[in-house]
């Protein structure tokens, strides 16, 4: 699934003005979805959620490294 399909499903009030780089990002192929940075694989979309014991925002860098290993 392309990132564009997920973004287009958002309500209009949650969408922002798009730039050219945003258009490039919309073309990304999403292969999976995860909220656990330890389980992110190449091409996955990571959701950083605040939980009772941990804040997913602390693991953004780890998830990014796993989603884009050659970047």
C-alpha atoms as a PDB file:
ATOM      1  CA  UNK A   1       0.000   0.000   0.000  1.00  0.00           C
ATOM      2  CA  UNK A   2       1.263   3.475  -0.776  1.00  0.00           C
ATOM      3  CA  UNK A   3       1.569   6.047   2.007  1.00  0.00           C
ATOM      4  CA  UNK A   4      -0.750   8.249  -0.075  1.00  0.00           C
ATOM      5  CA  UNK A   5      -3.633   5.817   0.468  1.00  0.00           C
ATOM      6  CA  UNK A   6      -3.256   6.061   4.243  1.00  0.00           C
ATOM      7  CA  UNK A   7      -2.914   9.846   4.208  1.00  0.00           C
ATOM      8  CA  UNK A   8      -5.904  10.284   1.927  1.00  0.00           C
ATOM      9  CA  UNK A   9      -8.031   8.374   4.444  1.00  0.00           C
ATOM     10  CA  UNK A  10      -7.393  11.045   7.095  1.00  0.00           C
ATOM     11  CA  UNK A  11     -10.084  13.635   7.749  1.00  0.00           C
ATOM     12  CA  UNK A  12      -9.432  16.892   5.867  1.00  0.00           C
ATOM     13  CA  UNK A  13      -8.803  18.836   9.100  1.00  0.00           C
ATOM     14  CA  UNK A  14      -5.792  16.607   9.864  1.00  0.00           C
ATOM     15  CA  UNK A  15      -4.132  17.144   6.488  1.00  0.00           C
ATOM     16  CA  UNK A  16      -1.632  19.943   5.986  1.00  0.00           C
ATOM     17  CA  UNK A  17      -0.359  21.861   2.987  1.00  0.00           C
ATOM     18  CA  UNK A  18       1.824  19.559   0.864  1.00  0.00           C
ATOM     19  CA  UNK A  19       5.224  20.384  -0.589  1.00  0.00           C
ATOM     20  CA  UNK A  20       7.112  18.620  -3.402  1.00  0.00           C
ATOM     21  CA  UNK A  21       9.016  16.500  -0.872  1.00  0.00           C
ATOM     22  CA  UNK A  22       5.673  15.488   0.664  1.00  0.00           C
ATOM     23  CA  UNK A  23       4.537  14.321  -2.773  1.00  0.00           C
ATOM     24  CA  UNK A  24       7.657  12.154  -3.011  1.00  0.00           C
ATOM     25  CA  UNK A  25       6.947  10.687   0.431  1.00  0.00           C
ATOM     26  CA  UNK A  26       3.367   9.883  -0.575  1.00  0.00           C
ATOM     27  CA  UNK A  27       4.764   7.514  -3.208  1.00  0.00           C
ATOM     28  CA  UNK A  28       6.503   5.366  -0.572  1.00  0.00           C
ATOM     29  CA  UNK A  29       5.382   1.750  -0.440  1.00  0.00           C
ATOM     30  CA  UNK A  30       4.308   0.751   3.084  1.00  0.00           C
ATOM     31  CA  UNK A  31       4.933  -2.937   3.712  1.00  0.00           C
ATOM     32  CA  UNK A  32       3.799  -3.147   7.323  1.00  0.00           C
ATOM     33  CA  UNK A  33       2.732  -1.160  10.367  1.00  0.00           C
ATOM     34  CA  UNK A  34       4.218  -1.363  13.848  1.00  0.00           C
ATOM     35  CA  UNK A  35       4.075   0.403  17.195  1.00  0.00           C
ATOM     36  CA  UNK A  36       7.009  -1.637  18.585  1.00  0.00           C
ATOM     37  CA  UNK A  37      10.327  -0.277  17.300  1.00  0.00           C
ATOM     38  CA  UNK A  38      11.983  -3.650  17.927  1.00  0.00           C
ATOM     39  CA  UNK A  39       9.685  -5.262  15.367  1.00  0.00           C
ATOM     40  CA  UNK A  40       9.988  -2.648  12.617  1.00  0.00           C
ATOM     41  CA  UNK A  41      11.232  -4.040   9.316  1.00  0.00           C
ATOM     42  CA  UNK A  42      12.354  -2.310   6.133  1.00  0.00           C
ATOM     43  CA  UNK A  43       9.447  -0.398   4.622  1.00  0.00           C
ATOM     44  CA  UNK A  44       7.294  -0.386   7.764  1.00  0.00           C
ATOM     45  CA  UNK A  45       5.346   2.591   9.073  1.00  0.00           C
ATOM     46  CA  UNK A  46       6.011   3.191  12.784  1.00  0.00           C
ATOM     47  CA  UNK A  47       3.457   4.705  15.157  1.00  0.00           C
ATOM     48  CA  UNK A  48       5.043   6.332  18.208  1.00  0.00           C
ATOM     49  CA  UNK A  49       2.451   5.917  20.945  1.00  0.00           C
ATOM     50  CA  UNK A  50       2.568   6.881  24.604  1.00  0.00           C
ATOM     51  CA  UNK A  51       1.827   3.885  26.776  1.00  0.00           C
ATOM     52  CA  UNK A  52       1.560   3.137  30.470  1.00  0.00           C
ATOM     53  CA  UNK A  53       5.191   1.998  30.699  1.00  0.00           C
ATOM     54  CA  UNK A  54       6.983   3.587  27.752  1.00  0.00           C
ATOM     55  CA  UNK A  55       6.725   6.456  25.279  1.00  0.00           C
ATOM     56  CA  UNK A  56       7.183   5.361  21.670  1.00  0.00           C
ATOM     57  CA  UNK A  57       8.602   8.781  20.818  1.00  0.00           C
ATOM     58  CA  UNK A  58      11.812   7.739  22.614  1.00  0.00           C
ATOM     59  CA  UNK A  59      12.288   5.004  19.990  1.00  0.00           C
ATOM     60  CA  UNK A  60      11.791   7.008  16.796  1.00  0.00           C
ATOM     61  CA  UNK A  61      15.479   6.876  15.829  1.00  0.00           C
ATOM     62  CA  UNK A  62      15.624   3.104  16.344  1.00  0.00           C
ATOM     63  CA  UNK A  63      12.474   2.596  14.264  1.00  0.00           C
ATOM     64  CA  UNK A  64      13.785   4.859  11.501  1.00  0.00           C
ATOM     65  CA  UNK A  65      17.069   2.943  11.362  1.00  0.00           C
ATOM     66  CA  UNK A  66      15.177  -0.332  11.042  1.00  0.00           C
ATOM     67  CA  UNK A  67      12.638   0.950   8.487  1.00  0.00           C
ATOM     68  CA  UNK A  68      15.321   2.491   6.250  1.00  0.00           C
ATOM     69  CA  UNK A  69      18.470   0.410   6.914  1.00  0.00           C
ATOM     70  CA  UNK A  70      20.412   1.731   3.912  1.00  0.00           C
ATOM     71  CA  UNK A  71      19.607   5.426   4.359  1.00  0.00           C
END
